[in-house]
Amino acid sequence: METQLPSTDNHTVPTIRRTDAAALVEEVSSWLTVDADEIDAKFLGERSRVVEAVGEMNSAAVAGPDRADAHYHQQLLLSRIYQTVMQIPDQPTAEGSVLLHEVTRMLENATLAAEDAHLEPGLLESAPTEPKQFLSWLKQLVRKHRAFKHPYYTDFINREAQREDLRTYVIQESLIDGRFDDFLAMMQIGTAGASKMEIAGNYWDEMGNGDPEAVHTHLFNKIYEVFDVRTEDLEAAMTTTDLHSGNLAVLLCRYRHLYPEAVGFLGMTEWLAPDRFRNVVRAWERLGLPEVGITYHRLHITIDSQHAAGWFHNVVIPSADTAYMRRGIARGALWRANSSARHLDERLDLARPGTDRAAAAERTPVAAG
């Protein structure tokens, strides 16, 4: 089925088939630099067609390897939409559009449902109720998880990676490491007491404790200078799991009802980082790359160890006194471990062609043990 849509004053909307995921992405992307009221005035009459097309793409995204294109385009579209809430624009945007919001919620709900499908049945219900025991249980689950000491870091990055491999790695990490300060700023809204202070302290460290030259995103961008990474290089280098990891972090931090999941997700992100970054530093030194580019990773080996400990003590334990919070924290932590494992499986498969790890990860639910 093909439908010719009207065009805005400066934006021509393509003819698409409802099942054409790539064309759907380009259509909705064309709205993102148009004023929200203008989008709703011109396209709300197309709501049913657009909603049906998004629904078809979401269904195809979980259909298996034969529809990997749909999964990629689902996450690409969500990533592009998130740019409207993760940066200050220099032109009108569709942020606030009723139709865009509906499309976004469909993509988000599909993303969360797919992530839940990777949870081991009954695992969340088996969590201890006492907060300290709950934390010990959760950390033990992740210690046993294949994401904890993944061979992508311990073997490939540590021993085999070459300059171009590290360039690819940095680009793929940008969707989380490159905006961690914003995740903290978003998730702290509505918090209080020890939790708010811990998040604030973490954020202030991300801000270089007031020194603009030590702001962590500034330090991360120094790596781009070493590898001559340009803005236009980023999206084209992203795989489905790269986009998914970045989208999941934005999704959890922007909604208050997903605060427990954000606590678990970011807590595990910081807990896993130091060991991973040690391998990056070893690779950097092995290759003799410019010292200015490794400052970010060196710094986070120490800082993230401290932040993880503070996060567990001041955010997780005080929050884990209700069943609702415990379930959400565990859910977010396991989402991080499971999505990270699939992500790293894919990276290792691409770095060492000829294996089926990435395809298997797409097909098989990831158990936590």
Protein backbone atom coordinates (compact mmCIF):
# COMPACT_ATOMS: atom_id res chain seq x y z
CA MET A 1 0.00 0.00 0.00
CA GLU A 2 1.36 3.41 -0.97
CA THR A 3 0.18 6.79 0.26
CA GLN A 4 1.36 10.20 -0.92
CA LEU A 5 1.41 12.56 2.04
CA PRO A 6 1.18 16.34 1.97
CA SER A 7 4.33 18.35 2.46
CA THR A 8 5.22 21.13 4.84
CA ASP A 9 6.46 24.45 3.47
CA ASN A 10 10.08 23.27 3.39
CA HIS A 11 9.81 19.53 3.96
CA THR A 12 8.68 17.03 1.36
CA VAL A 13 7.35 13.83 2.91
CA PRO A 14 8.15 10.70 0.88
CA THR A 15 5.75 8.17 -0.56
CA ILE A 16 5.93 5.05 1.61
CA ARG A 17 4.57 1.59 1.98
CA ARG A 18 3.26 0.96 5.47
CA THR A 19 5.62 -2.00 5.89
CA ASP A 20 8.72 -0.16 4.64
CA ALA A 21 10.63 0.51 7.87
CA ALA A 22 13.35 2.62 6.24
CA ALA A 23 10.82 4.92 4.56
CA LEU A 24 8.85 5.22 7.79
CA VAL A 25 12.00 6.32 9.61
CA GLU A 26 12.70 8.97 6.98
CA GLU A 27 9.11 10.18 7.06
CA VAL A 28 8.97 10.65 10.82
CA SER A 29 12.54 12.02 10.87
CA SER A 30 11.42 14.70 8.42
CA TRP A 31 9.04 16.00 11.10
CA LEU A 32 11.73 16.55 13.73
CA THR A 33 12.77 20.02 12.56
CA VAL A 34 9.19 21.22 12.05
CA ASP A 35 7.23 23.08 14.72
CA ALA A 36 5.11 20.70 16.83
CA ASP A 37 1.83 22.53 16.21
CA GLU A 38 2.50 22.53 12.47
CA ILE A 39 3.14 18.79 12.50
CA ASP A 40 -0.08 18.09 14.39
CA ALA A 41 -2.14 20.40 12.20
CA LYS A 42 -0.93 18.79 8.98
CA PHE A 43 -0.50 15.14 9.92
CA LEU A 44 -3.00 14.21 12.63
CA GLY A 45 -5.32 13.15 9.83
CA GLU A 46 -2.69 10.53 8.96
CA ARG A 47 -2.60 9.21 12.53
CA SER A 48 -4.14 5.81 11.87
CA ARG A 49 -1.80 5.07 8.96
CA VAL A 50 1.30 6.18 10.85
CA VAL A 51 0.33 4.29 14.01
CA GLU A 52 -0.35 1.14 12.00
CA ALA A 53 3.00 1.44 10.24
CA VAL A 54 4.86 1.87 13.54
CA GLY A 55 2.98 -1.09 14.98
CA GLU A 56 3.97 -3.23 12.00
CA MET A 57 7.60 -2.21 12.39
CA ASN A 58 7.53 -3.04 16.11
CA SER A 59 6.07 -6.47 15.39
CA ALA A 60 8.66 -7.14 12.71
CA ALA A 61 11.45 -6.03 15.07
CA VAL A 62 10.88 -9.08 17.29
CA ALA A 63 10.29 -11.51 14.41
CA GLY A 64 13.87 -12.75 14.40
CA PRO A 65 17.05 -12.40 12.31
CA ASP A 66 15.12 -12.31 9.04
CA ARG A 67 13.69 -8.93 10.09
CA ALA A 68 16.81 -7.48 11.67
CA ASP A 69 16.29 -4.46 9.42
CA ALA A 70 13.05 -3.63 11.26
CA HIS A 71 14.77 -3.81 14.65
CA TYR A 72 17.55 -1.54 13.41
CA HIS A 73 15.12 1.03 11.99
CA GLN A 74 12.97 0.91 15.12
CA GLN A 75 15.96 1.85 17.26
CA LEU A 76 17.30 4.35 14.71
CA LEU A 77 13.99 6.21 14.74
CA LEU A 78 13.82 6.28 18.52
CA SER A 79 17.41 7.53 18.68
CA ARG A 80 16.64 10.36 16.25
CA ILE A 81 13.53 11.33 18.20
CA TYR A 82 15.55 11.42 21.40
CA GLN A 83 17.82 14.04 19.87
CA THR A 84 14.89 16.45 20.28
CA VAL A 85 15.05 16.05 24.07
CA MET A 86 18.81 15.61 24.50
CA GLN A 87 20.13 18.79 22.91
CA ILE A 88 19.32 22.50 22.64
CA PRO A 89 18.04 23.16 19.10
CA ASP A 90 18.95 26.06 16.84
CA GLN A 91 15.72 25.73 14.86
CA PRO A 92 12.10 24.69 15.49
CA THR A 93 11.55 21.07 16.55
CA ALA A 94 8.61 18.70 16.84
CA GLU A 95 9.12 18.32 20.60
CA GLY A 96 5.64 18.42 22.14
CA SER A 97 3.83 17.12 19.06
CA VAL A 98 0.89 14.91 20.02
CA LEU A 99 1.46 12.61 17.06
CA LEU A 100 5.21 12.39 17.64
CA HIS A 101 4.56 11.59 21.30
CA GLU A 102 2.29 8.70 20.33
CA VAL A 103 4.90 7.32 17.94
CA THR A 104 7.57 7.71 20.62
CA ARG A 105 5.53 5.87 23.25
CA MET A 106 4.88 3.01 20.84
CA LEU A 107 8.60 2.67 20.17
CA GLU A 108 9.45 2.94 23.87
CA ASN A 109 6.88 0.38 24.97
CA ALA A 110 8.08 -2.05 22.31
CA THR A 111 11.68 -1.54 23.44
CA LEU A 112 10.82 -2.24 27.08
CA ALA A 113 8.69 -5.28 26.23
CA ALA A 114 11.53 -6.75 24.19
CA GLU A 115 13.95 -6.15 27.05
CA ASP A 116 11.59 -7.82 29.53
CA ALA A 117 11.50 -10.86 27.23
CA HIS A 118 15.19 -11.38 28.02
CA LEU A 119 14.53 -11.72 31.77
CA GLU A 120 14.53 -15.18 33.27
CA PRO A 121 10.93 -16.02 34.30
CA GLY A 122 10.38 -15.69 38.05
CA LEU A 123 13.78 -14.10 38.68
CA LEU A 124 12.49 -10.73 39.87
CA GLU A 125 10.06 -12.43 42.26
CA SER A 126 12.92 -14.34 43.92
CA ALA A 127 14.67 -11.20 45.23
CA PRO A 128 15.22 -10.90 49.01
CA THR A 129 13.12 -8.25 50.74
CA GLU A 130 15.73 -6.89 53.17
CA PRO A 131 17.57 -4.04 51.35
CA LYS A 132 21.15 -5.10 52.08
CA GLN A 133 20.42 -8.71 51.23
CA PHE A 134 18.66 -7.52 48.09
CA LEU A 135 21.78 -5.61 47.00
CA SER A 136 24.02 -8.62 47.69
CA TRP A 137 21.66 -10.83 45.66
CA LEU A 138 21.64 -8.40 42.76
CA LYS A 139 25.42 -7.99 42.69
CA GLN A 140 25.88 -11.75 42.81
CA LEU A 141 23.57 -12.18 39.81
CA VAL A 142 25.59 -9.71 37.79
CA ARG A 143 28.92 -11.21 38.89
CA LYS A 144 27.76 -14.51 37.36
CA HIS A 145 26.52 -12.84 34.20
CA ARG A 146 28.57 -13.11 31.00
CA ALA A 147 28.52 -9.30 30.75
CA PHE A 148 30.62 -9.01 33.93
CA LYS A 149 33.93 -10.17 32.41
CA HIS A 150 33.04 -10.17 28.75
CA PRO A 151 35.73 -11.42 26.33
CA TYR A 152 35.21 -8.38 24.12
CA TYR A 153 37.04 -6.42 26.83
CA THR A 154 39.19 -9.06 28.55
CA ASP A 155 40.49 -10.67 25.36
CA PHE A 156 39.82 -8.56 22.29
CA ILE A 157 40.27 -4.99 23.55
CA ASN A 158 42.99 -5.95 26.00
CA ARG A 159 45.14 -8.08 23.68
CA GLU A 160 44.05 -7.76 20.05
CA ALA A 161 42.41 -4.42 19.29
CA GLN A 162 44.18 -2.12 16.84
CA ARG A 163 43.84 1.63 16.36
CA GLU A 164 40.78 1.39 14.11
CA ASP A 165 39.11 -1.01 16.56
CA LEU A 166 39.47 1.55 19.36
CA ARG A 167 38.10 4.27 17.08
CA THR A 168 35.01 2.14 16.45
CA TYR A 169 34.72 1.36 20.16
CA VAL A 170 34.75 5.04 21.11
CA ILE A 171 32.06 5.91 18.56
CA GLN A 172 29.84 3.09 19.78
CA GLU A 173 30.30 4.11 23.43
CA SER A 174 29.34 7.73 22.75
CA LEU A 175 25.61 7.14 23.25
CA ILE A 176 26.20 6.38 26.94
CA ASP A 177 29.62 7.67 28.00
CA GLY A 178 29.26 10.83 25.93
CA ARG A 179 26.17 12.04 27.80
CA PHE A 180 26.27 10.42 31.24
CA ASP A 181 26.08 13.84 32.87
CA ASP A 182 22.72 14.46 31.22
CA PHE A 183 21.40 11.09 32.39
CA LEU A 184 22.22 12.06 35.97
CA ALA A 185 20.62 15.47 35.57
CA MET A 186 17.44 13.92 34.17
CA MET A 187 17.04 11.14 36.72
CA GLN A 188 17.60 13.22 39.87
CA ILE A 189 14.35 15.19 39.43
CA GLY A 190 12.02 14.46 42.34
CA THR A 191 14.64 12.74 44.51
CA ALA A 192 15.47 13.79 48.06
CA GLY A 193 17.87 13.13 50.92
CA ALA A 194 20.85 10.81 50.55
CA SER A 195 19.82 9.73 47.06
CA LYS A 196 19.67 13.29 45.75
CA MET A 197 22.99 14.14 47.36
CA GLU A 198 24.67 11.06 45.88
CA ILE A 199 23.37 11.84 42.40
CA ALA A 200 24.39 15.49 42.84
CA GLY A 201 27.91 14.52 43.92
CA ASN A 202 28.20 12.18 40.97
CA TYR A 203 27.00 14.92 38.63
CA TRP A 204 29.49 17.42 40.06
CA ASP A 205 32.31 14.98 39.39
CA GLU A 206 31.01 14.70 35.81
CA MET A 207 31.25 18.50 35.70
CA GLY A 208 34.94 18.31 36.59
CA ASN A 209 34.18 19.73 40.05
CA GLY A 210 33.80 23.14 38.45
CA ASP A 211 36.80 23.03 36.09
CA PRO A 212 35.60 23.32 32.46
CA GLU A 213 38.74 21.55 31.19
CA ALA A 214 37.99 18.57 33.45
CA VAL A 215 34.32 18.13 32.50
CA HIS A 216 33.99 14.47 31.60
CA THR A 217 32.17 15.00 28.31
CA HIS A 218 34.98 17.41 27.33
CA LEU A 219 37.55 14.73 28.18
CA PHE A 220 35.57 12.14 26.24
CA ASN A 221 35.54 14.42 23.20
CA LYS A 222 39.34 14.55 23.34
CA ILE A 223 39.27 10.93 22.21
CA TYR A 224 37.42 12.10 19.09
CA GLU A 225 40.33 14.42 18.33
CA VAL A 226 42.81 11.54 18.48
CA PHE A 227 40.79 9.50 15.98
CA ASP A 228 39.44 12.41 13.91
CA VAL A 229 35.85 11.40 14.66
CA ARG A 230 33.35 13.89 13.25
CA THR A 231 29.68 14.35 14.01
CA GLU A 232 28.68 12.98 10.64
CA ASP A 233 30.60 9.75 11.38
CA LEU A 234 28.52 8.82 14.39
CA GLU A 235 25.10 7.63 13.25
CA ALA A 236 26.42 5.67 10.28
CA ALA A 237 28.70 3.66 12.57
CA MET A 238 25.94 2.66 15.00
CA THR A 239 24.61 -0.88 15.01
CA THR A 240 21.20 -1.94 16.32
CA THR A 241 22.57 -2.79 19.75
CA ASP A 242 24.54 0.48 19.94
CA LEU A 243 21.34 2.41 19.33
CA HIS A 244 19.38 0.20 21.71
CA SER A 245 21.83 0.73 24.58
CA GLY A 246 21.75 4.49 24.18
CA ASN A 247 17.97 4.57 23.81
CA LEU A 248 17.43 2.45 26.90
CA ALA A 249 19.48 4.86 29.03
CA VAL A 250 17.54 7.90 27.79
CA LEU A 251 14.22 6.12 28.22
CA LEU A 252 14.82 5.14 31.83
CA CYS A 253 16.15 8.54 32.89
CA ARG A 254 13.46 10.71 31.32
CA TYR A 255 10.39 9.16 33.00
CA ARG A 256 9.73 9.42 36.73
CA HIS A 257 7.82 6.11 36.84
CA LEU A 258 10.98 4.39 35.57
CA TYR A 259 13.20 5.93 38.26
CA PRO A 260 13.74 2.53 39.98
CA GLU A 261 14.87 1.02 36.69
CA ALA A 262 17.22 3.98 36.13
CA VAL A 263 18.73 3.40 39.58
CA GLY A 264 19.53 -0.20 38.68
CA PHE A 265 20.65 0.54 35.13
CA LEU A 266 23.04 3.41 35.96
CA GLY A 267 24.29 1.69 39.11
CA MET A 268 25.37 -1.35 37.13
CA THR A 269 26.81 0.86 34.40
CA GLU A 270 29.14 2.47 36.92
CA TRP A 271 29.95 -0.82 38.64
CA LEU A 272 30.99 -2.50 35.39
CA ALA A 273 32.96 0.44 34.01
CA PRO A 274 36.26 0.32 35.98
CA ASP A 275 37.19 -3.23 35.01
CA ARG A 276 36.22 -2.59 31.40
CA PHE A 277 38.15 0.65 31.24
CA ARG A 278 41.30 -1.02 32.57
CA ASN A 279 41.31 -3.10 29.42
CA VAL A 280 40.85 0.01 27.29
CA VAL A 281 43.81 1.68 29.02
CA ARG A 282 45.98 -1.42 28.45
CA ALA A 283 45.09 -1.38 24.75
CA TRP A 284 45.80 2.34 24.50
CA GLU A 285 49.22 1.92 26.08
CA ARG A 286 49.99 -1.17 23.99
CA LEU A 287 49.33 0.85 20.81
CA GLY A 288 51.22 3.92 22.01
CA LEU A 289 48.33 6.30 21.32
CA PRO A 290 48.40 9.98 22.47
CA GLU A 291 48.03 10.32 26.22
CA VAL A 292 45.44 13.11 25.94
CA GLY A 293 42.92 10.63 24.61
CA ILE A 294 42.97 8.20 27.54
CA THR A 295 42.45 10.67 30.40
CA TYR A 296 38.70 9.98 30.47
CA HIS A 297 39.13 6.23 30.92
CA ARG A 298 41.97 6.52 33.45
CA LEU A 299 39.87 8.89 35.55
CA HIS A 300 36.82 6.67 35.53
CA ILE A 301 38.67 3.57 36.74
CA THR A 302 38.93 5.25 40.16
CA ILE A 303 35.92 7.54 40.11
CA ASP A 304 33.39 4.96 38.96
CA SER A 305 34.54 2.52 41.65
CA GLN A 306 33.79 5.23 44.23
CA HIS A 307 30.53 6.19 42.54
CA ALA A 308 29.32 2.60 42.38
CA ALA A 309 29.96 2.11 46.09
CA GLY A 310 28.22 5.39 46.93
CA TRP A 311 25.34 4.58 44.58
CA PHE A 312 24.74 1.20 46.18
CA HIS A 313 24.92 2.60 49.74
CA ASN A 314 23.09 5.90 49.28
CA VAL A 315 20.67 5.23 46.42
CA VAL A 316 19.96 1.51 46.13
CA ILE A 317 19.76 0.48 49.79
CA PRO A 318 17.57 3.42 50.94
CA SER A 319 15.28 2.90 47.94
CA ALA A 320 14.97 -0.87 48.26
CA ASP A 321 12.48 -0.80 51.13
CA THR A 322 9.37 -1.45 49.00
CA ALA A 323 8.50 -4.26 46.61
CA TYR A 324 7.84 -1.74 43.83
CA MET A 325 11.29 -0.19 44.11
CA ARG A 326 13.11 -3.52 44.49
CA ARG A 327 11.43 -4.93 41.41
CA GLY A 328 12.28 -1.83 39.34
CA ILE A 329 15.90 -1.65 40.51
CA ALA A 330 16.46 -5.33 39.75
CA ARG A 331 14.72 -4.98 36.42
CA GLY A 332 16.90 -2.04 35.39
CA ALA A 333 20.11 -3.70 36.59
CA LEU A 334 19.36 -6.88 34.65
CA TRP A 335 18.30 -4.88 31.60
CA ARG A 336 21.75 -3.29 31.71
CA ALA A 337 23.55 -6.63 32.08
CA ASN A 338 21.49 -8.39 29.42
CA SER A 339 21.58 -5.57 26.86
CA SER A 340 25.30 -5.07 27.48
CA ALA A 341 25.99 -8.76 26.92
CA ARG A 342 24.11 -8.75 23.62
CA HIS A 343 25.87 -5.53 22.65
CA LEU A 344 29.32 -6.94 23.39
CA ASP A 345 28.51 -10.24 21.69
CA GLU A 346 27.72 -8.25 18.56
CA ARG A 347 30.88 -6.17 18.86
CA LEU A 348 33.01 -9.28 19.25
CA ASP A 349 31.31 -10.92 16.30
CA LEU A 350 31.99 -7.89 14.12
CA ALA A 351 35.58 -7.65 15.37
CA ARG A 352 36.17 -11.38 14.73
CA PRO A 353 34.08 -12.23 11.65
CA GLY A 354 32.87 -15.76 11.12
CA THR A 355 31.00 -16.49 14.34
CA ASP A 356 27.26 -16.45 15.01
CA ARG A 357 27.33 -14.82 18.44
CA ALA A 358 25.42 -11.68 17.44
CA ALA A 359 22.68 -13.59 15.62
CA ALA A 360 22.33 -16.00 18.53
CA ALA A 361 22.07 -13.12 20.97
CA GLU A 362 19.21 -11.65 18.94
CA ARG A 363 17.35 -14.97 19.01
CA THR A 364 17.99 -16.27 22.52
CA PRO A 365 16.76 -14.73 25.83
CA VAL A 366 19.67 -13.91 28.12
CA ALA A 367 19.45 -15.54 31.53
CA ALA A 368 20.92 -13.70 34.48
CA GLY A 369 23.01 -16.57 35.77
